[in-house]
Amino acid sequence: MASKRTARGRFEKGHSGNPAGRPARKTFNLDLLCDLLTPEREEMIYKVAIAAAMKGNKDARAFLWAYKYGKPVERREITAEVIEPWLIEDADEEDQTDEGPESLLGEPRQD
């Protein structure tokens, strides 16, 4: 199929370069996993993970830790000093005001 491109190499409006579109994403079948993962198999997986973690496998340790305690939540403390721009000293001191940002808006219009 011939592509419908302009002189600049772009596709014309309404004529995509990918007429079939993006392929459908494979979905995860949770019901199938629940059917296949019997309690006996689940216990076997945990025993293998514990044995691997005891041998030093980091991924097995992370899996077990996340299973027992949940994934750790990253917490960051954000601290900042608030600097009010109308109080910053500037070379042009005649524009400075201590009245705050409201004074920068000017007088309200009287219509």
N, C-alpha and C. Protein backbone atom coordinates (compact mmCIF):
# COMPACT_ATOMS: atom_id res chain seq x y z
N MET A 1 0.84 -1.17 0.00
CA MET A 1 0.00 0.00 0.00
C MET A 1 0.89 1.24 0.00
N ALA A 2 0.63 2.15 -0.89
CA ALA A 2 1.43 3.36 -1.00
C ALA A 2 1.10 4.30 0.15
N SER A 3 2.14 4.92 0.70
CA SER A 3 1.90 5.83 1.81
C SER A 3 1.47 7.19 1.28
N LYS A 4 0.59 7.84 1.98
CA LYS A 4 0.07 9.14 1.58
C LYS A 4 0.85 10.20 2.35
N ARG A 5 1.97 10.63 1.76
CA ARG A 5 2.83 11.62 2.41
C ARG A 5 2.82 12.92 1.63
N THR A 6 3.06 13.99 2.37
CA THR A 6 3.15 15.30 1.73
C THR A 6 4.55 15.47 1.17
N ALA A 7 4.79 16.60 0.54
CA ALA A 7 6.11 16.88 -0.01
C ALA A 7 7.17 16.96 1.09
N ARG A 8 6.76 17.33 2.29
CA ARG A 8 7.71 17.43 3.41
C ARG A 8 7.91 16.09 4.11
N GLY A 9 7.24 15.03 3.65
CA GLY A 9 7.44 13.71 4.23
C GLY A 9 6.47 13.36 5.34
N ARG A 10 5.54 14.25 5.63
CA ARG A 10 4.55 13.96 6.68
C ARG A 10 3.35 13.25 6.07
N PHE A 11 2.62 12.54 6.92
CA PHE A 11 1.41 11.88 6.45
C PHE A 11 0.30 12.91 6.34
N GLU A 12 -0.53 12.74 5.32
CA GLU A 12 -1.66 13.63 5.15
C GLU A 12 -2.66 13.40 6.28
N LYS A 13 -3.48 14.41 6.55
CA LYS A 13 -4.50 14.26 7.60
C LYS A 13 -5.42 13.11 7.25
N GLY A 14 -5.68 12.26 8.23
CA GLY A 14 -6.58 11.14 8.03
C GLY A 14 -5.92 9.90 7.47
N HIS A 15 -4.63 9.96 7.16
CA HIS A 15 -3.91 8.81 6.62
C HIS A 15 -2.73 8.51 7.53
N SER A 16 -2.90 7.53 8.37
CA SER A 16 -1.88 7.19 9.35
C SER A 16 -0.75 6.39 8.73
N GLY A 17 0.40 6.46 9.34
CA GLY A 17 1.52 5.63 8.92
C GLY A 17 1.43 4.23 9.49
N ASN A 18 0.47 4.01 10.34
CA ASN A 18 0.28 2.70 10.96
C ASN A 18 -1.21 2.34 10.87
N PRO A 19 -1.66 1.92 9.68
CA PRO A 19 -3.09 1.70 9.51
C PRO A 19 -3.66 0.57 10.37
N ALA A 20 -2.84 -0.39 10.73
CA ALA A 20 -3.33 -1.48 11.57
C ALA A 20 -3.46 -1.05 13.03
N GLY A 21 -2.81 0.04 13.40
CA GLY A 21 -2.86 0.53 14.77
C GLY A 21 -1.92 -0.21 15.69
N ARG A 22 -1.88 0.20 16.90
CA ARG A 22 -1.03 -0.44 17.90
C ARG A 22 -1.62 -1.82 18.21
N PRO A 23 -0.75 -2.84 18.33
CA PRO A 23 -1.29 -4.16 18.66
C PRO A 23 -1.91 -4.18 20.05
N ALA A 24 -2.92 -5.02 20.21
CA ALA A 24 -3.61 -5.12 21.49
C ALA A 24 -2.66 -5.63 22.56
N ARG A 25 -2.80 -5.10 23.74
CA ARG A 25 -1.96 -5.49 24.87
C ARG A 25 -2.47 -6.80 25.45
N LYS A 26 -1.54 -7.68 25.77
CA LYS A 26 -1.94 -8.94 26.39
C LYS A 26 -2.38 -8.66 27.82
N THR A 27 -3.50 -9.23 28.20
CA THR A 27 -4.01 -9.01 29.54
C THR A 27 -3.59 -10.13 30.47
N PHE A 28 -3.48 -9.81 31.73
CA PHE A 28 -3.11 -10.78 32.74
C PHE A 28 -4.37 -11.43 33.26
N ASN A 29 -4.41 -12.75 33.23
CA ASN A 29 -5.59 -13.48 33.65
C ASN A 29 -5.42 -13.90 35.11
N LEU A 30 -5.92 -13.09 36.02
CA LEU A 30 -5.79 -13.36 37.44
C LEU A 30 -6.58 -14.59 37.86
N ASP A 31 -7.72 -14.81 37.24
CA ASP A 31 -8.52 -16.00 37.58
C ASP A 31 -7.76 -17.28 37.27
N LEU A 32 -7.06 -17.30 36.12
CA LEU A 32 -6.29 -18.48 35.75
C LEU A 32 -5.16 -18.71 36.76
N LEU A 33 -4.48 -17.62 37.17
CA LEU A 33 -3.41 -17.75 38.15
C LEU A 33 -3.95 -18.30 39.47
N CYS A 34 -5.09 -17.80 39.90
CA CYS A 34 -5.68 -18.27 41.16
C CYS A 34 -6.05 -19.75 41.08
N ASP A 35 -6.50 -20.19 39.91
CA ASP A 35 -6.82 -21.61 39.74
C ASP A 35 -5.57 -22.48 39.77
N LEU A 36 -4.48 -21.99 39.15
CA LEU A 36 -3.26 -22.79 39.07
C LEU A 36 -2.45 -22.76 40.36
N LEU A 37 -2.57 -21.69 41.12
CA LEU A 37 -1.77 -21.54 42.34
C LEU A 37 -2.55 -22.10 43.53
N THR A 38 -2.41 -23.38 43.70
CA THR A 38 -3.09 -24.06 44.81
C THR A 38 -2.35 -23.76 46.10
N PRO A 39 -2.95 -23.97 47.24
CA PRO A 39 -2.24 -23.73 48.51
C PRO A 39 -0.95 -24.55 48.63
N GLU A 40 -0.93 -25.77 48.09
CA GLU A 40 0.28 -26.59 48.15
C GLU A 40 1.39 -25.97 47.32
N ARG A 41 1.05 -25.49 46.12
CA ARG A 41 2.05 -24.85 45.26
C ARG A 41 2.53 -23.54 45.87
N GLU A 42 1.63 -22.82 46.46
CA GLU A 42 2.00 -21.56 47.10
C GLU A 42 2.99 -21.81 48.24
N GLU A 43 2.73 -22.84 49.04
CA GLU A 43 3.64 -23.19 50.13
C GLU A 43 5.00 -23.59 49.59
N MET A 44 5.00 -24.33 48.47
CA MET A 44 6.26 -24.76 47.88
C MET A 44 7.06 -23.54 47.40
N ILE A 45 6.38 -22.57 46.82
CA ILE A 45 7.06 -21.35 46.35
C ILE A 45 7.69 -20.61 47.52
N TYR A 46 6.97 -20.52 48.63
CA TYR A 46 7.52 -19.82 49.79
C TYR A 46 8.72 -20.57 50.37
N LYS A 47 8.67 -21.88 50.39
CA LYS A 47 9.80 -22.66 50.91
C LYS A 47 11.03 -22.46 50.03
N VAL A 48 10.84 -22.46 48.71
CA VAL A 48 11.97 -22.25 47.79
C VAL A 48 12.52 -20.83 47.97
N ALA A 49 11.62 -19.85 48.12
CA ALA A 49 12.07 -18.46 48.31
C ALA A 49 12.83 -18.30 49.61
N ILE A 50 12.37 -18.95 50.66
CA ILE A 50 13.06 -18.87 51.95
C ILE A 50 14.44 -19.49 51.84
N ALA A 51 14.54 -20.64 51.18
CA ALA A 51 15.84 -21.29 51.01
C ALA A 51 16.79 -20.41 50.20
N ALA A 52 16.28 -19.79 49.14
CA ALA A 52 17.11 -18.91 48.33
C ALA A 52 17.54 -17.68 49.12
N ALA A 53 16.63 -17.13 49.92
CA ALA A 53 16.97 -15.95 50.73
C ALA A 53 18.02 -16.29 51.76
N MET A 54 17.95 -17.48 52.33
CA MET A 54 18.95 -17.89 53.32
C MET A 54 20.32 -18.06 52.69
N LYS A 55 20.36 -18.36 51.38
CA LYS A 55 21.63 -18.49 50.67
C LYS A 55 22.17 -17.15 50.20
N GLY A 56 21.39 -16.07 50.38
CA GLY A 56 21.86 -14.74 50.03
C GLY A 56 21.23 -14.14 48.79
N ASN A 57 20.19 -14.74 48.27
CA ASN A 57 19.53 -14.21 47.09
C ASN A 57 18.74 -12.95 47.46
N LYS A 58 19.16 -11.81 46.91
CA LYS A 58 18.52 -10.53 47.24
C LYS A 58 17.08 -10.46 46.76
N ASP A 59 16.82 -11.01 45.57
CA ASP A 59 15.46 -10.96 45.03
C ASP A 59 14.50 -11.78 45.89
N ALA A 60 14.98 -12.92 46.38
CA ALA A 60 14.13 -13.76 47.23
C ALA A 60 13.84 -13.04 48.55
N ARG A 61 14.86 -12.37 49.09
CA ARG A 61 14.65 -11.61 50.33
C ARG A 61 13.65 -10.48 50.11
N ALA A 62 13.78 -9.78 48.98
CA ALA A 62 12.86 -8.68 48.68
C ALA A 62 11.44 -9.20 48.50
N PHE A 63 11.29 -10.35 47.84
CA PHE A 63 9.98 -10.96 47.64
C PHE A 63 9.34 -11.30 48.98
N LEU A 64 10.09 -11.94 49.85
CA LEU A 64 9.55 -12.35 51.15
C LEU A 64 9.22 -11.14 52.01
N TRP A 65 10.10 -10.16 52.01
CA TRP A 65 9.89 -8.96 52.80
C TRP A 65 8.62 -8.23 52.32
N ALA A 66 8.47 -8.11 50.98
CA ALA A 66 7.29 -7.43 50.43
C ALA A 66 6.03 -8.22 50.74
N TYR A 67 6.13 -9.55 50.76
CA TYR A 67 4.96 -10.37 51.04
C TYR A 67 4.53 -10.21 52.50
N LYS A 68 5.52 -10.21 53.40
CA LYS A 68 5.18 -10.17 54.82
C LYS A 68 4.84 -8.76 55.30
N TYR A 69 5.64 -7.76 54.88
CA TYR A 69 5.47 -6.41 55.42
C TYR A 69 4.91 -5.42 54.40
N GLY A 70 4.83 -5.79 53.15
CA GLY A 70 4.43 -4.85 52.11
C GLY A 70 5.64 -4.11 51.59
N LYS A 71 5.49 -3.54 50.42
CA LYS A 71 6.60 -2.80 49.83
C LYS A 71 6.84 -1.54 50.64
N PRO A 72 8.11 -1.18 50.85
CA PRO A 72 8.38 0.03 51.62
C PRO A 72 7.92 1.27 50.87
N VAL A 73 7.44 2.24 51.62
CA VAL A 73 6.97 3.50 51.05
C VAL A 73 8.09 4.50 51.20
N GLU A 74 8.44 5.14 50.09
CA GLU A 74 9.49 6.14 50.15
C GLU A 74 8.91 7.41 50.73
N ARG A 75 9.54 7.89 51.77
CA ARG A 75 9.08 9.12 52.40
C ARG A 75 10.19 10.16 52.31
N ARG A 76 9.80 11.33 51.91
CA ARG A 76 10.77 12.42 51.83
C ARG A 76 10.23 13.60 52.63
N GLU A 77 11.10 14.18 53.40
CA GLU A 77 10.71 15.38 54.14
C GLU A 77 11.14 16.57 53.30
N ILE A 78 10.19 17.38 52.94
CA ILE A 78 10.48 18.53 52.10
C ILE A 78 10.50 19.75 52.99
N THR A 79 11.63 20.38 53.02
CA THR A 79 11.75 21.60 53.80
C THR A 79 12.28 22.69 52.88
N ALA A 80 11.75 23.86 53.00
CA ALA A 80 12.20 24.97 52.19
C ALA A 80 11.91 26.26 52.93
N GLU A 81 12.76 27.20 52.72
CA GLU A 81 12.53 28.52 53.29
C GLU A 81 11.73 29.32 52.28
N VAL A 82 10.64 29.89 52.70
CA VAL A 82 9.80 30.68 51.80
C VAL A 82 10.43 32.05 51.64
N ILE A 83 10.71 32.37 50.40
CA ILE A 83 11.28 33.68 50.09
C ILE A 83 10.22 34.46 49.34
N GLU A 84 9.85 35.57 49.90
CA GLU A 84 8.83 36.41 49.27
C GLU A 84 9.52 37.33 48.28
N PRO A 85 9.18 37.21 46.99
CA PRO A 85 9.93 37.94 45.96
C PRO A 85 9.87 39.45 46.12
N TRP A 86 8.84 40.00 46.74
CA TRP A 86 8.75 41.44 46.86
C TRP A 86 9.65 41.98 47.97
N LEU A 87 10.26 41.07 48.76
CA LEU A 87 11.16 41.51 49.82
C LEU A 87 12.62 41.36 49.44
N ILE A 88 12.91 40.77 48.28
CA ILE A 88 14.29 40.56 47.86
C ILE A 88 14.88 41.90 47.45
N GLU A 89 16.07 42.18 47.96
CA GLU A 89 16.72 43.43 47.61
C GLU A 89 17.23 43.33 46.18
N ASP A 90 16.99 44.38 45.43
CA ASP A 90 17.38 44.39 44.03
C ASP A 90 18.15 45.67 43.78
N ALA A 91 18.84 45.71 42.67
CA ALA A 91 19.60 46.91 42.33
C ALA A 91 18.67 48.09 42.09
N ASP A 92 17.48 47.82 41.59
CA ASP A 92 16.52 48.87 41.31
C ASP A 92 15.58 48.99 42.50
N GLU A 93 15.96 49.78 43.50
CA GLU A 93 15.22 49.83 44.76
C GLU A 93 13.93 50.63 44.67
N GLU A 94 13.75 51.43 43.62
CA GLU A 94 12.53 52.23 43.55
C GLU A 94 11.31 51.38 43.24
N ASP A 95 11.50 50.16 42.69
CA ASP A 95 10.38 49.27 42.42
C ASP A 95 10.03 48.41 43.62
N GLN A 96 10.83 48.43 44.67
CA GLN A 96 10.60 47.57 45.83
C GLN A 96 9.47 48.11 46.68
N THR A 97 8.71 47.18 47.23
CA THR A 97 7.62 47.55 48.12
C THR A 97 7.50 46.49 49.20
N ASP A 98 7.06 46.89 50.36
CA ASP A 98 6.86 45.94 51.45
C ASP A 98 5.39 45.58 51.59
N GLU A 99 4.57 45.94 50.61
CA GLU A 99 3.14 45.74 50.73
C GLU A 99 2.68 44.36 50.29
N GLY A 100 3.52 43.56 49.69
CA GLY A 100 3.14 42.23 49.27
C GLY A 100 2.69 42.18 47.83
N PRO A 101 2.29 41.00 47.36
CA PRO A 101 1.95 40.84 45.95
C PRO A 101 0.68 41.57 45.54
N GLU A 102 -0.19 41.90 46.49
CA GLU A 102 -1.41 42.61 46.15
C GLU A 102 -1.11 43.98 45.56
N SER A 103 -0.05 44.61 46.04
CA SER A 103 0.29 45.94 45.54
C SER A 103 0.80 45.90 44.11
N LEU A 104 1.24 44.77 43.64
CA LEU A 104 1.75 44.66 42.29
C LEU A 104 0.61 44.61 41.26
N LEU A 105 -0.60 44.35 41.70
CA LEU A 105 -1.72 44.23 40.79
C LEU A 105 -2.26 45.58 40.34
N GLY A 106 -1.94 46.62 41.04
CA GLY A 106 -2.43 47.94 40.67
C GLY A 106 -3.79 48.22 41.27
N GLU A 107 -4.32 49.35 40.94
CA GLU A 107 -5.61 49.74 41.47
C GLU A 107 -6.72 49.01 40.75
N PRO A 108 -7.81 48.65 41.44
CA PRO A 108 -8.94 48.01 40.75
C PRO A 108 -9.61 48.98 39.81
N ARG A 109 -10.13 48.45 38.69
CA ARG A 109 -10.79 49.29 37.70
C ARG A 109 -12.17 49.71 38.20
N GLN A 110 -12.51 50.93 37.90
CA GLN A 110 -13.83 51.46 38.24
C GLN A 110 -14.62 51.57 36.94
N ASP A 111 -15.46 50.62 36.64
CA ASP A 111 -16.25 50.64 35.40
C ASP A 111 -17.58 51.28 35.60
